[in-house]
Amino acid sequence: MILRNKLGSKEAKMLLGDILRQNAMKLPRKTALVFKDTRLSYRELNERVNRLANALLAIGIKPGDRVAVLADNCSQYLEVYFATAKGGMVIVPINSSLDAEGITYIVNDSGAGTIVFGENYRDTISSLRPGLKSVKHYIAIGEAAGAESYEKLLSGYPADEPEVAISEDDTVWLLYTSGTTGSPKGVMINHKSQIVDSANTILTCFPINRSDIHLVILPLFHIGSLWHMRCHFYMGNTTVLMDARDPGLVLEAIEREKVTTMCFVPPMMVPIVTHPDINRYDLSSIRIMIYSGAPLPEGLQQQMNRIFSGVIIQTFALTEGGPAIIMPPLMEGPWQEVKRAGSCGKEVLNVEVRLVNDEGKDCVPGEVGEILARGDNIMKGYWNMPEATARTLEGGYLHTGDLATRDEEGYYYITGRKKDTITSAGKPVYSPEVENIISLHPAISEVAVIGVPDKELGERVVAIAVLKTGEKATAGEIINWCEGKLDGYKVPGSVDFADRLPKTPSGKVLKNILREGYSK
């Protein structure tokens, strides 16, 4: 165990809260955070965070205790992230789109003794209180009956750095997965993981500098928002925090703040790039846009290339990975030299990646296999789930459940999720490949491809498509579009149309719900 402020000790290690503490000393007047009309310098942000950390400790919250947060993106949410880190506590961010059962499950499963909630969730928390078994402290951002006021609590305590014994191996974040295939799992992330991951990311792929201005539009319970925001704080940058639900406001923020970098998930970009007034905005400041997962649908990629002049980077990252696993090697040379069409890059610095087939053997170039990874950025495990932890971390590697190929140069190409692979007529069909072809049809806004049980084929390829506003197309037209572009067994046997696709708040299509619709 170490004391945060006794950095002269040989045992002292960099902790998550030290990022803010050091910037407050080195860049005290630089703007750290912009949220609506609030602008906080690194000194101001650090002082508010210290006051909150000291307040939490004073009311009886101890190192190791869990602090849940249910709120929309706001400056206070970010303060809780750093205050719990400095106090040796564990933050439990709650997916704000969950229903009452989902919220209750996470609070009770984590054993959170404190919950901080935003004004939009006063009624929700009020109705859930009888079922929140472990919660003793309710803290409201704003005012709420039966809860302590966030600002009043913060104002009553000093801005001194809290003296708390913290190890780099201590859990700092407990991030719950979306639970698309069962109950959500709490992913335990420690301090060391976050410091290592920042260095890995910046030294491999993210050539950011002190003049960059980062835009956060993903919700703060999402690992993507925390990943890139943390990297920018690590470098002493300015972060602009907002809610992406209004695409017009996003475009205004990019122009007003001269945003240079941003992280996104593909579905979030559709309403932004199709905004009717997008040509009114100056978006030329954007130089790097990063997303994770399978390649962008080609249609969306083409739209974004027309609108944004910056580099659009595909990576492979996941919550359990801390999150960075594979990224384009931008530090090896200019983007035009290191990029590979359809690739998410190479393994990041300090992370070992393997690609293994169903027999557990390492794949040869071009062979599809599961991505395995190990390094100091990988999660500690799943909260109170030793069996699931042992399965996922078998052999010392994180088994991601994601499939990819690797070429002779060491570049990886995501083909899809292992559980989403369709086996049709005994042959594997990777849904992103089919989705990419369909997305190029001029009438299609977005599409999801799933496998449906079939007596003859084993599984039949089915596409569920959303049409662009004002466009028309028939199932036959979409099938004809795919023929000649895909091998015959990959062409959808049927195409259905929907007004929208079911998704998680981060934009991930809930294919399990789509499959359920065909099993009835």
Protein backbone atom coordinates (compact mmCIF):
# COMPACT_ATOMS: atom_id res chain seq x y z
CA MET A 1 0.00 0.00 0.00
CA ILE A 2 1.19 3.53 -0.67
CA LEU A 3 0.27 7.06 0.28
CA ARG A 4 -0.78 9.09 -2.74
CA ASN A 5 1.14 12.25 -1.80
CA LYS A 6 4.34 10.60 -0.59
CA LEU A 7 5.78 10.35 -4.07
CA GLY A 8 9.36 10.37 -2.81
CA SER A 9 8.90 6.81 -1.61
CA LYS A 10 10.58 4.10 -3.66
CA GLU A 11 7.27 2.24 -3.60
CA ALA A 12 5.30 5.14 -5.06
CA LYS A 13 3.48 4.37 -8.31
CA MET A 14 1.42 6.51 -10.65
CA LEU A 15 -2.27 6.33 -9.76
CA LEU A 16 -5.29 7.48 -11.74
CA GLY A 17 -5.87 10.53 -9.53
CA ASP A 18 -2.26 11.63 -9.98
CA ILE A 19 -3.03 12.59 -13.59
CA LEU A 20 -5.18 15.44 -12.33
CA ARG A 21 -2.90 16.33 -9.42
CA GLN A 22 0.15 16.69 -11.65
CA ASN A 23 -1.65 18.77 -14.28
CA ALA A 24 -2.95 21.09 -11.55
CA MET A 25 0.69 21.78 -10.65
CA LYS A 26 2.09 21.99 -14.18
CA LEU A 27 -0.86 23.56 -16.04
CA PRO A 28 -2.92 25.26 -13.33
CA ARG A 29 -4.61 27.85 -15.55
CA LYS A 30 -5.16 25.69 -18.62
CA THR A 31 -8.79 24.76 -19.33
CA ALA A 32 -9.28 21.13 -18.38
CA LEU A 33 -13.02 20.71 -18.88
CA VAL A 34 -15.80 22.42 -20.78
CA PHE A 35 -19.42 21.47 -20.11
CA LYS A 36 -22.16 23.81 -21.32
CA ASP A 37 -21.40 27.16 -19.62
CA THR A 38 -18.93 25.63 -17.15
CA ARG A 39 -15.21 25.99 -17.82
CA LEU A 40 -12.81 24.58 -15.25
CA SER A 41 -9.04 24.96 -15.24
CA TYR A 42 -6.90 22.06 -14.07
CA ARG A 43 -6.42 23.80 -10.72
CA GLU A 44 -10.15 24.42 -10.29
CA LEU A 45 -11.09 20.90 -11.33
CA ASN A 46 -8.50 19.35 -9.04
CA GLU A 47 -9.67 21.45 -6.10
CA ARG A 48 -13.31 20.46 -6.62
CA VAL A 49 -12.30 16.80 -6.94
CA ASN A 50 -10.26 17.00 -3.71
CA ARG A 51 -13.15 18.62 -1.84
CA LEU A 52 -15.46 15.84 -2.98
CA ALA A 53 -12.97 13.09 -2.11
CA ASN A 54 -12.48 14.56 1.37
CA ALA A 55 -16.24 14.90 1.79
CA LEU A 56 -16.85 11.28 0.86
CA LEU A 57 -14.19 10.12 3.30
CA ALA A 58 -15.60 12.36 6.05
CA ILE A 59 -19.13 10.94 5.80
CA GLY A 60 -17.80 7.43 6.28
CA ILE A 61 -17.09 6.10 2.80
CA LYS A 62 -13.92 4.03 3.04
CA PRO A 63 -11.29 2.96 0.52
CA GLY A 64 -12.61 -0.02 -1.41
CA ASP A 65 -16.26 1.02 -0.97
CA ARG A 66 -18.35 1.23 -4.12
CA VAL A 67 -19.95 4.52 -5.22
CA ALA A 68 -22.63 4.17 -7.90
CA VAL A 69 -23.49 6.99 -10.31
CA LEU A 70 -26.70 7.39 -12.31
CA ALA A 71 -26.57 10.59 -14.32
CA ASP A 72 -26.34 12.08 -17.79
CA ASN A 73 -23.00 13.48 -18.94
CA CYS A 74 -22.06 16.45 -16.75
CA SER A 75 -19.00 17.94 -15.08
CA GLN A 76 -19.98 16.50 -11.70
CA TYR A 77 -19.97 12.98 -13.14
CA LEU A 78 -16.35 13.43 -14.17
CA GLU A 79 -15.51 14.84 -10.74
CA VAL A 80 -16.88 11.69 -9.11
CA TYR A 81 -14.59 9.58 -11.31
CA PHE A 82 -11.50 11.36 -10.05
CA ALA A 83 -12.71 11.86 -6.45
CA THR A 84 -13.38 8.16 -5.95
CA ALA A 85 -9.97 7.38 -7.48
CA LYS A 86 -8.23 9.77 -5.07
CA GLY A 87 -10.22 8.41 -2.12
CA GLY A 88 -9.32 4.81 -2.92
CA MET A 89 -12.95 4.04 -3.67
CA VAL A 90 -14.51 2.23 -6.62
CA ILE A 91 -16.88 4.00 -8.99
CA VAL A 92 -19.81 2.03 -10.42
CA PRO A 93 -21.23 3.96 -13.40
CA ILE A 94 -24.76 2.81 -14.24
CA ASN A 95 -26.12 2.59 -17.78
CA SER A 96 -28.78 5.30 -17.71
CA SER A 97 -31.05 3.53 -20.21
CA LEU A 98 -31.57 0.51 -17.96
CA ASP A 99 -35.00 -0.17 -16.55
CA ALA A 100 -35.70 -0.31 -12.82
CA GLU A 101 -34.75 -3.99 -12.61
CA GLY A 102 -31.41 -3.40 -14.34
CA ILE A 103 -30.46 -0.45 -12.13
CA THR A 104 -31.42 -2.32 -8.97
CA TYR A 105 -29.40 -5.35 -10.06
CA ILE A 106 -26.19 -3.36 -10.56
CA VAL A 107 -26.50 -1.41 -7.31
CA ASN A 108 -27.21 -4.52 -5.28
CA ASP A 109 -24.71 -6.75 -7.07
CA SER A 110 -21.91 -4.23 -6.56
CA GLY A 111 -22.89 -3.62 -2.94
CA ALA A 112 -22.70 0.13 -3.49
CA GLY A 113 -23.13 2.00 -0.23
CA THR A 114 -23.47 5.38 -1.96
CA ILE A 115 -25.28 6.55 -5.06
CA VAL A 116 -24.80 9.90 -6.78
CA PHE A 117 -27.64 10.77 -9.13
CA GLY A 118 -28.56 13.51 -11.57
CA GLU A 119 -31.67 15.68 -11.59
CA ASN A 120 -33.28 13.64 -14.37
CA TYR A 121 -33.19 10.55 -12.15
CA ARG A 122 -34.73 11.88 -8.93
CA ASP A 123 -38.03 10.08 -9.46
CA THR A 124 -36.27 6.88 -10.53
CA ILE A 125 -34.11 6.77 -7.40
CA SER A 126 -37.05 7.69 -5.19
CA SER A 127 -39.06 4.76 -6.49
CA LEU A 128 -36.15 2.32 -6.23
CA ARG A 129 -34.95 3.20 -2.72
CA PRO A 130 -36.79 0.39 -0.91
CA GLY A 131 -35.02 -2.19 -3.06
CA LEU A 132 -31.51 -0.74 -2.92
CA LYS A 133 -30.32 -2.90 -0.04
CA SER A 134 -26.79 -1.62 0.48
CA VAL A 135 -27.18 2.12 -0.13
CA LYS A 136 -26.73 4.35 2.91
CA HIS A 137 -25.81 7.66 1.27
CA TYR A 138 -27.85 9.38 -1.45
CA ILE A 139 -26.17 12.40 -3.07
CA ALA A 140 -28.14 14.51 -5.56
CA ILE A 141 -26.63 16.62 -8.34
CA GLY A 142 -29.16 19.40 -7.82
CA GLU A 143 -31.83 19.11 -5.16
CA ALA A 144 -33.82 16.03 -4.15
CA ALA A 145 -35.82 15.14 -1.08
CA GLY A 146 -34.04 12.74 1.24
CA ALA A 147 -30.65 13.24 -0.39
CA GLU A 148 -27.55 15.29 0.35
CA SER A 149 -26.85 18.15 -2.06
CA TYR A 150 -23.73 17.50 -4.13
CA GLU A 151 -22.63 21.15 -4.15
CA LYS A 152 -23.33 21.71 -0.45
CA LEU A 153 -21.42 18.57 0.45
CA LEU A 154 -18.47 19.54 -1.71
CA SER A 155 -18.30 23.11 -0.39
CA GLY A 156 -17.92 22.01 3.23
CA TYR A 157 -14.55 20.30 2.90
CA PRO A 158 -10.96 21.37 2.14
CA ALA A 159 -9.26 21.25 -1.25
CA ASP A 160 -6.17 19.52 0.14
CA GLU A 161 -5.01 16.31 -1.49
CA PRO A 162 -6.56 13.42 0.46
CA GLU A 163 -4.06 11.22 2.29
CA VAL A 164 -5.19 7.68 1.48
CA ALA A 165 -3.27 4.41 1.23
CA ILE A 166 -3.80 3.14 -2.32
CA SER A 167 -2.07 0.42 -4.33
CA GLU A 168 -1.77 0.44 -8.10
CA ASP A 169 -3.44 -2.99 -8.01
CA ASP A 170 -6.55 -1.67 -6.24
CA THR A 171 -9.77 -1.65 -8.23
CA VAL A 172 -10.75 1.87 -9.28
CA TRP A 173 -13.57 1.20 -11.77
CA LEU A 174 -16.31 -1.43 -11.72
CA LEU A 175 -17.81 -1.27 -15.20
CA TYR A 176 -20.82 -3.45 -15.97
CA THR A 177 -21.14 -5.05 -19.40
CA SER A 178 -24.33 -4.56 -21.41
CA GLY A 179 -25.59 -8.02 -20.51
CA THR A 180 -26.85 -8.88 -24.00
CA THR A 181 -26.40 -12.61 -23.30
CA GLY A 182 -27.30 -12.82 -19.60
CA SER A 183 -26.89 -10.77 -16.45
CA PRO A 184 -24.42 -7.88 -16.69
CA LYS A 185 -20.93 -8.67 -15.42
CA GLY A 186 -18.93 -6.19 -13.36
CA VAL A 187 -15.48 -5.70 -14.91
CA MET A 188 -12.84 -4.80 -12.31
CA ILE A 189 -10.24 -2.30 -13.59
CA ASN A 190 -7.30 -1.22 -11.42
CA HIS A 191 -5.17 1.93 -11.29
CA LYS A 192 -2.19 0.34 -13.01
CA SER A 193 -4.34 -0.74 -15.96
CA GLN A 194 -5.41 2.82 -16.65
CA ILE A 195 -1.96 4.36 -16.46
CA VAL A 196 -0.46 1.62 -18.63
CA ASP A 197 -3.30 1.82 -21.13
CA SER A 198 -2.84 5.59 -21.49
CA ALA A 199 0.83 5.14 -22.34
CA ASN A 200 0.11 2.17 -24.63
CA THR A 201 -2.52 4.13 -26.56
CA ILE A 202 -0.55 7.36 -26.96
CA LEU A 203 2.74 5.68 -27.86
CA THR A 204 1.12 3.32 -30.39
CA CYS A 205 -1.59 5.19 -32.19
CA PHE A 206 -2.78 8.44 -30.69
CA PRO A 207 -0.33 11.25 -31.58
CA ILE A 208 -2.04 13.88 -29.45
CA ASN A 209 -0.34 17.00 -28.17
CA ARG A 210 -1.02 19.72 -25.60
CA SER A 211 -2.96 21.82 -28.12
CA ASP A 212 -5.58 19.16 -28.89
CA ILE A 213 -9.19 19.65 -27.84
CA HIS A 214 -11.14 16.45 -27.30
CA LEU A 215 -14.90 16.04 -27.67
CA VAL A 216 -16.72 13.44 -25.56
CA ILE A 217 -20.15 12.48 -26.90
CA LEU A 218 -20.32 8.91 -25.64
CA PRO A 219 -22.04 8.49 -22.25
CA LEU A 220 -19.68 8.45 -19.28
CA PHE A 221 -20.69 4.92 -18.32
CA HIS A 222 -19.13 3.75 -21.62
CA ILE A 223 -15.49 2.62 -21.67
CA GLY A 224 -14.88 4.50 -24.94
CA SER A 225 -15.57 7.90 -23.38
CA LEU A 226 -13.37 7.12 -20.37
CA TRP A 227 -10.54 5.75 -22.52
CA HIS A 228 -9.94 8.75 -24.73
CA MET A 229 -10.85 11.36 -22.13
CA ARG A 230 -8.33 9.79 -19.75
CA CYS A 231 -5.63 9.84 -22.46
CA HIS A 232 -6.26 13.52 -23.11
CA PHE A 233 -6.11 14.37 -19.40
CA TYR A 234 -2.89 12.35 -19.27
CA MET A 235 -1.45 14.74 -21.88
CA GLY A 236 -2.89 17.87 -20.28
CA ASN A 237 -5.46 18.57 -22.99
CA THR A 238 -8.84 20.26 -22.88
CA THR A 239 -11.93 18.03 -22.91
CA VAL A 240 -15.34 19.21 -24.13
CA LEU A 241 -18.06 17.09 -22.53
CA MET A 242 -21.57 16.93 -23.91
CA ASP A 243 -24.56 14.76 -24.71
CA ALA A 244 -24.78 13.42 -28.28
CA ARG A 245 -28.56 13.17 -28.41
CA ASP A 246 -28.84 16.42 -30.37
CA PRO A 247 -26.63 16.18 -33.49
CA GLY A 248 -26.99 19.91 -34.13
CA LEU A 249 -25.42 20.70 -30.76
CA VAL A 250 -22.55 18.32 -31.52
CA LEU A 251 -21.84 20.14 -34.78
CA GLU A 252 -22.04 23.51 -33.01
CA ALA A 253 -19.58 22.33 -30.35
CA ILE A 254 -17.05 21.15 -32.95
CA GLU A 255 -17.16 24.55 -34.66
CA ARG A 256 -17.26 26.69 -31.50
CA GLU A 257 -14.54 24.87 -29.54
CA LYS A 258 -12.43 23.99 -32.60
CA VAL A 259 -12.44 20.33 -31.59
CA THR A 260 -9.52 18.31 -32.97
CA THR A 261 -10.19 14.76 -31.72
CA MET A 262 -13.23 12.67 -30.88
CA CYS A 263 -14.27 9.09 -30.18
CA PHE A 264 -17.51 7.61 -31.49
CA VAL A 265 -19.46 4.44 -32.14
CA PRO A 266 -20.73 4.15 -35.74
CA PRO A 267 -24.50 4.38 -35.06
CA MET A 268 -24.00 7.73 -33.31
CA MET A 269 -22.59 9.25 -36.48
CA VAL A 270 -25.61 8.52 -38.69
CA PRO A 271 -27.81 11.39 -37.38
CA ILE A 272 -24.76 13.68 -37.34
CA VAL A 273 -23.63 13.15 -40.94
CA THR A 274 -27.24 13.25 -42.21
CA HIS A 275 -28.11 16.46 -40.33
CA PRO A 276 -29.85 18.76 -42.84
CA ASP A 277 -27.70 21.77 -41.91
CA ILE A 278 -24.33 20.04 -41.67
CA ASN A 279 -22.83 22.14 -44.49
CA ARG A 280 -23.36 25.29 -42.41
CA TYR A 281 -20.73 24.24 -39.88
CA ASP A 282 -16.97 24.57 -40.02
CA LEU A 283 -15.69 21.09 -39.13
CA SER A 284 -12.19 21.57 -40.50
CA SER A 285 -10.53 21.49 -37.06
CA ILE A 286 -11.15 17.75 -36.68
CA ARG A 287 -7.95 15.80 -37.31
CA ILE A 288 -8.51 12.42 -35.60
CA MET A 289 -11.73 10.43 -35.16
CA ILE A 290 -11.48 7.04 -33.44
CA TYR A 291 -13.92 4.17 -33.13
CA SER A 292 -13.66 0.52 -32.09
CA GLY A 293 -14.92 -2.77 -33.48
CA ALA A 294 -15.75 -3.97 -36.96
CA PRO A 295 -15.04 -1.65 -39.92
CA LEU A 296 -17.47 1.16 -40.57
CA PRO A 297 -20.20 0.22 -43.03
CA GLU A 298 -18.81 1.39 -46.36
CA GLY A 299 -21.72 3.73 -46.96
CA LEU A 300 -21.15 5.54 -43.65
CA GLN A 301 -17.38 5.61 -44.24
CA GLN A 302 -17.91 7.35 -47.58
CA GLN A 303 -20.25 9.93 -46.02
CA MET A 304 -17.79 10.72 -43.24
CA ASN A 305 -14.87 10.99 -45.67
CA ARG A 306 -16.80 13.61 -47.62
CA ILE A 307 -17.61 15.64 -44.52
CA PHE A 308 -14.52 15.37 -42.31
CA SER A 309 -11.00 16.03 -43.50
CA GLY A 310 -9.39 14.29 -40.52
CA VAL A 311 -8.20 10.71 -40.16
CA ILE A 312 -10.89 8.15 -39.27
CA ILE A 313 -9.25 5.35 -37.27
CA GLN A 314 -10.64 1.90 -36.56
CA THR A 315 -9.33 0.18 -33.42
CA PHE A 316 -10.09 -2.95 -31.42
CA ALA A 317 -10.84 -2.33 -27.77
CA LEU A 318 -13.17 -3.74 -25.13
CA THR A 319 -14.00 -3.09 -21.50
CA GLU A 320 -12.21 -6.21 -20.27
CA GLY A 321 -9.10 -5.12 -22.18
CA GLY A 322 -8.73 -1.89 -20.27
CA PRO A 323 -9.58 -1.24 -23.21
CA ALA A 324 -6.88 -0.88 -25.96
CA ILE A 325 -5.74 -4.11 -27.64
CA ILE A 326 -5.18 -3.37 -31.35
CA MET A 327 -4.67 0.04 -32.97
CA PRO A 328 -3.16 1.39 -36.21
CA PRO A 329 0.59 2.03 -35.66
CA LEU A 330 0.48 5.76 -36.28
CA MET A 331 3.77 6.26 -34.50
CA GLU A 332 5.49 4.15 -37.18
CA GLY A 333 4.80 6.66 -39.93
CA PRO A 334 2.22 8.88 -41.69
CA TRP A 335 -1.37 7.64 -41.87
CA GLN A 336 -1.21 7.09 -45.62
CA GLU A 337 1.73 4.71 -45.11
CA VAL A 338 0.55 2.72 -42.09
CA LYS A 339 -3.17 2.37 -42.79
CA ARG A 340 -4.57 -0.82 -44.32
CA ALA A 341 -8.09 -0.89 -45.73
CA GLY A 342 -10.44 -2.71 -43.36
CA SER A 343 -7.77 -3.22 -40.69
CA CYS A 344 -7.92 -2.13 -37.05
CA GLY A 345 -4.12 -2.12 -36.90
CA LYS A 346 -1.48 -4.04 -34.94
CA GLU A 347 -1.20 -5.06 -31.30
CA VAL A 348 -0.56 -2.01 -29.12
CA LEU A 349 2.65 -1.47 -27.22
CA ASN A 350 3.02 -3.71 -24.13
CA VAL A 351 0.14 -6.00 -25.15
CA GLU A 352 0.64 -9.51 -26.49
CA VAL A 353 -2.04 -10.65 -28.96
CA ARG A 354 -2.64 -14.17 -30.23
CA LEU A 355 -5.11 -15.43 -32.82
CA VAL A 356 -6.23 -19.01 -32.15
CA ASN A 357 -8.51 -21.40 -34.03
CA ASP A 358 -11.12 -23.77 -32.59
CA GLU A 359 -8.39 -26.29 -31.73
CA GLY A 360 -6.55 -23.65 -29.67
CA LYS A 361 -3.68 -23.47 -32.13
CA ASP A 362 -2.18 -20.21 -33.39
CA CYS A 363 -3.63 -19.20 -36.74
CA VAL A 364 -1.62 -18.87 -39.91
CA PRO A 365 -1.95 -15.59 -41.87
CA GLY A 366 -5.41 -15.30 -43.40
CA GLU A 367 -7.01 -17.87 -41.07
CA VAL A 368 -9.96 -16.73 -38.93
CA GLY A 369 -9.44 -17.12 -35.20
CA GLU A 370 -10.37 -15.69 -31.79
CA ILE A 371 -8.41 -12.72 -30.45
CA LEU A 372 -6.59 -13.44 -27.18
CA ALA A 373 -4.63 -10.77 -25.32
CA ARG A 374 -2.54 -10.27 -22.20
CA GLY A 375 -0.83 -7.29 -20.60
CA ASP A 376 -0.98 -5.02 -17.57
CA ASN A 377 -3.99 -3.20 -19.02
CA ILE A 378 -6.24 -6.30 -18.89
CA MET A 379 -9.02 -6.44 -16.28
CA LYS A 380 -8.49 -8.02 -12.86
CA GLY A 381 -11.58 -10.16 -13.40
CA TYR A 382 -15.35 -10.13 -13.02
CA TRP A 383 -16.82 -8.96 -9.72
CA ASN A 384 -17.97 -11.93 -7.61
CA MET A 385 -17.84 -14.26 -10.65
CA PRO A 386 -14.78 -16.50 -10.19
CA GLU A 387 -15.91 -19.14 -12.70
CA ALA A 388 -16.60 -16.60 -15.45
CA THR A 389 -13.27 -14.94 -14.66
CA ALA A 390 -11.42 -18.25 -14.93
CA ARG A 391 -13.03 -19.02 -18.30
CA THR A 392 -12.36 -15.59 -19.74
CA LEU A 393 -8.77 -15.38 -18.47
CA GLU A 394 -7.90 -19.01 -19.13
CA GLY A 395 -4.18 -19.57 -19.58
CA GLY A 396 -3.38 -16.00 -18.57
CA TYR A 397 -4.95 -14.54 -21.72
CA LEU A 398 -8.13 -12.53 -22.12
CA HIS A 399 -10.41 -14.53 -24.42
CA THR A 400 -12.29 -11.73 -26.18
CA GLY A 401 -14.88 -13.72 -28.15
CA ASP A 402 -14.04 -11.61 -31.20
CA LEU A 403 -12.88 -13.11 -34.48
CA ALA A 404 -10.28 -11.73 -36.86
CA THR A 405 -7.65 -12.58 -39.43
CA ARG A 406 -4.03 -11.38 -39.46
CA ASP A 407 -1.89 -10.70 -42.52
CA GLU A 408 1.84 -11.23 -43.06
CA GLU A 409 2.63 -7.71 -41.76
CA GLY A 410 0.84 -8.28 -38.45
CA TYR A 411 -2.28 -6.24 -39.29
CA TYR A 412 -5.58 -7.52 -37.90
CA TYR A 413 -8.98 -7.55 -39.65
CA ILE A 414 -12.11 -7.99 -37.52
CA THR A 415 -14.63 -10.44 -38.98
CA GLY A 416 -17.23 -10.40 -36.19
CA ARG A 417 -18.21 -11.84 -32.84
CA LYS A 418 -17.72 -15.56 -32.32
CA LYS A 419 -21.28 -15.90 -31.05
CA ASP A 420 -22.62 -14.01 -34.10
CA THR A 421 -21.03 -16.27 -36.72
CA ILE A 422 -23.68 -17.79 -38.96
CA THR A 423 -23.16 -21.34 -40.18
CA SER A 424 -25.06 -21.75 -43.45
CA ALA A 425 -24.75 -25.00 -45.42
CA GLY A 426 -21.77 -25.88 -43.21
CA LYS A 427 -19.86 -22.69 -44.09
CA PRO A 428 -19.18 -19.70 -41.82
CA VAL A 429 -20.80 -16.38 -42.70
CA TYR A 430 -19.49 -13.30 -40.90
CA SER A 431 -22.31 -10.81 -40.59
CA PRO A 432 -20.18 -7.60 -40.88
CA GLU A 433 -19.16 -8.62 -44.41
CA VAL A 434 -22.80 -8.95 -45.50
CA GLU A 435 -23.83 -5.80 -43.63
CA ASN A 436 -21.09 -3.84 -45.35
CA ILE A 437 -22.33 -4.78 -48.82
CA ILE A 438 -25.96 -3.98 -48.01
CA SER A 439 -24.97 -0.62 -46.44
CA LEU A 440 -23.69 0.49 -49.85
CA HIS A 441 -27.20 0.34 -51.33
CA PRO A 442 -28.34 3.94 -51.77
CA ALA A 443 -31.67 3.36 -50.00
CA ILE A 444 -30.25 1.76 -46.85
CA SER A 445 -29.59 3.72 -43.67
CA GLU A 446 -28.42 0.79 -41.52
CA VAL A 447 -28.70 -2.98 -41.44
CA ALA A 448 -28.17 -5.98 -39.17
CA VAL A 449 -27.58 -9.54 -40.39
CA ILE A 450 -28.40 -12.58 -38.25
CA GLY A 451 -28.69 -16.34 -38.58
CA VAL A 452 -32.12 -17.95 -38.28
CA PRO A 453 -32.57 -21.74 -37.73
CA ASP A 454 -33.25 -23.59 -40.99
CA LYS A 455 -33.91 -27.33 -41.40
CA GLU A 456 -31.92 -27.64 -44.62
CA LEU A 457 -29.12 -25.08 -44.21
CA GLY A 458 -28.67 -25.20 -40.45
CA GLU A 459 -28.94 -21.41 -40.40
CA ARG A 460 -30.41 -19.05 -42.95
CA VAL A 461 -28.90 -15.60 -43.50
CA VAL A 462 -31.47 -12.89 -42.76
CA ALA A 463 -31.03 -9.13 -43.10
CA ILE A 464 -33.07 -6.55 -41.19
CA ALA A 465 -32.71 -3.16 -42.86
CA VAL A 466 -33.72 0.42 -42.07
CA LEU A 467 -34.44 2.63 -45.07
CA LYS A 468 -33.25 6.19 -45.38
CA THR A 469 -35.97 8.80 -44.98
CA GLY A 470 -37.95 9.10 -48.20
CA GLU A 471 -36.29 6.08 -49.84
CA LYS A 472 -37.93 2.87 -51.01
CA ALA A 473 -36.60 -0.61 -51.74
CA THR A 474 -37.90 -4.16 -51.85
CA ALA A 475 -36.41 -7.31 -50.38
CA GLY A 476 -35.81 -8.59 -53.91
CA GLU A 477 -33.84 -5.48 -54.81
CA ILE A 478 -31.57 -5.87 -51.78
CA ILE A 479 -30.99 -9.57 -52.50
CA ASN A 480 -30.19 -8.79 -56.14
CA TRP A 481 -27.79 -6.09 -54.93
CA CYS A 482 -25.87 -8.71 -52.90
CA GLU A 483 -25.67 -11.28 -55.69
CA GLY A 484 -22.36 -11.03 -57.51
CA LYS A 485 -20.87 -9.07 -54.61
CA LEU A 486 -20.98 -12.00 -52.18
CA ASP A 487 -20.51 -15.74 -52.45
CA GLY A 488 -23.87 -17.40 -52.95
CA TYR A 489 -24.12 -18.92 -49.47
CA LYS A 490 -23.57 -15.46 -47.93
CA VAL A 491 -26.43 -13.78 -49.82
CA PRO A 492 -29.42 -13.21 -47.50
CA GLY A 493 -32.23 -15.68 -47.99
CA SER A 494 -34.65 -12.96 -46.90
CA VAL A 495 -34.66 -9.25 -46.14
CA ASP A 496 -37.06 -7.61 -43.71
CA PHE A 497 -37.49 -3.90 -43.06
CA ALA A 498 -37.81 -2.13 -39.71
CA ASP A 499 -38.27 1.47 -38.57
CA ARG A 500 -35.23 1.11 -36.29
CA LEU A 501 -32.89 -1.51 -34.85
CA PRO A 502 -32.80 -2.33 -31.13
CA LYS A 503 -29.56 -1.02 -29.61
CA THR A 504 -27.65 -0.48 -26.41
CA PRO A 505 -27.05 3.17 -25.40
CA SER A 506 -23.57 2.94 -26.95
CA GLY A 507 -25.11 2.00 -30.30
CA LYS A 508 -24.45 -1.76 -30.32
CA VAL A 509 -27.23 -3.60 -32.17
CA LEU A 510 -28.97 -6.11 -29.89
CA LYS A 511 -28.93 -9.07 -32.24
CA ASN A 512 -30.22 -11.39 -29.53
CA ILE A 513 -33.50 -9.44 -29.57
CA LEU A 514 -33.67 -9.68 -33.36
CA ARG A 515 -33.09 -13.44 -33.18
CA GLU A 516 -35.83 -13.81 -30.57
CA GLY A 517 -38.27 -12.25 -33.01
CA TYR A 518 -37.64 -15.10 -35.47
CA SER A 519 -37.83 -17.87 -32.88
CA LYS A 520 -41.43 -17.17 -31.94
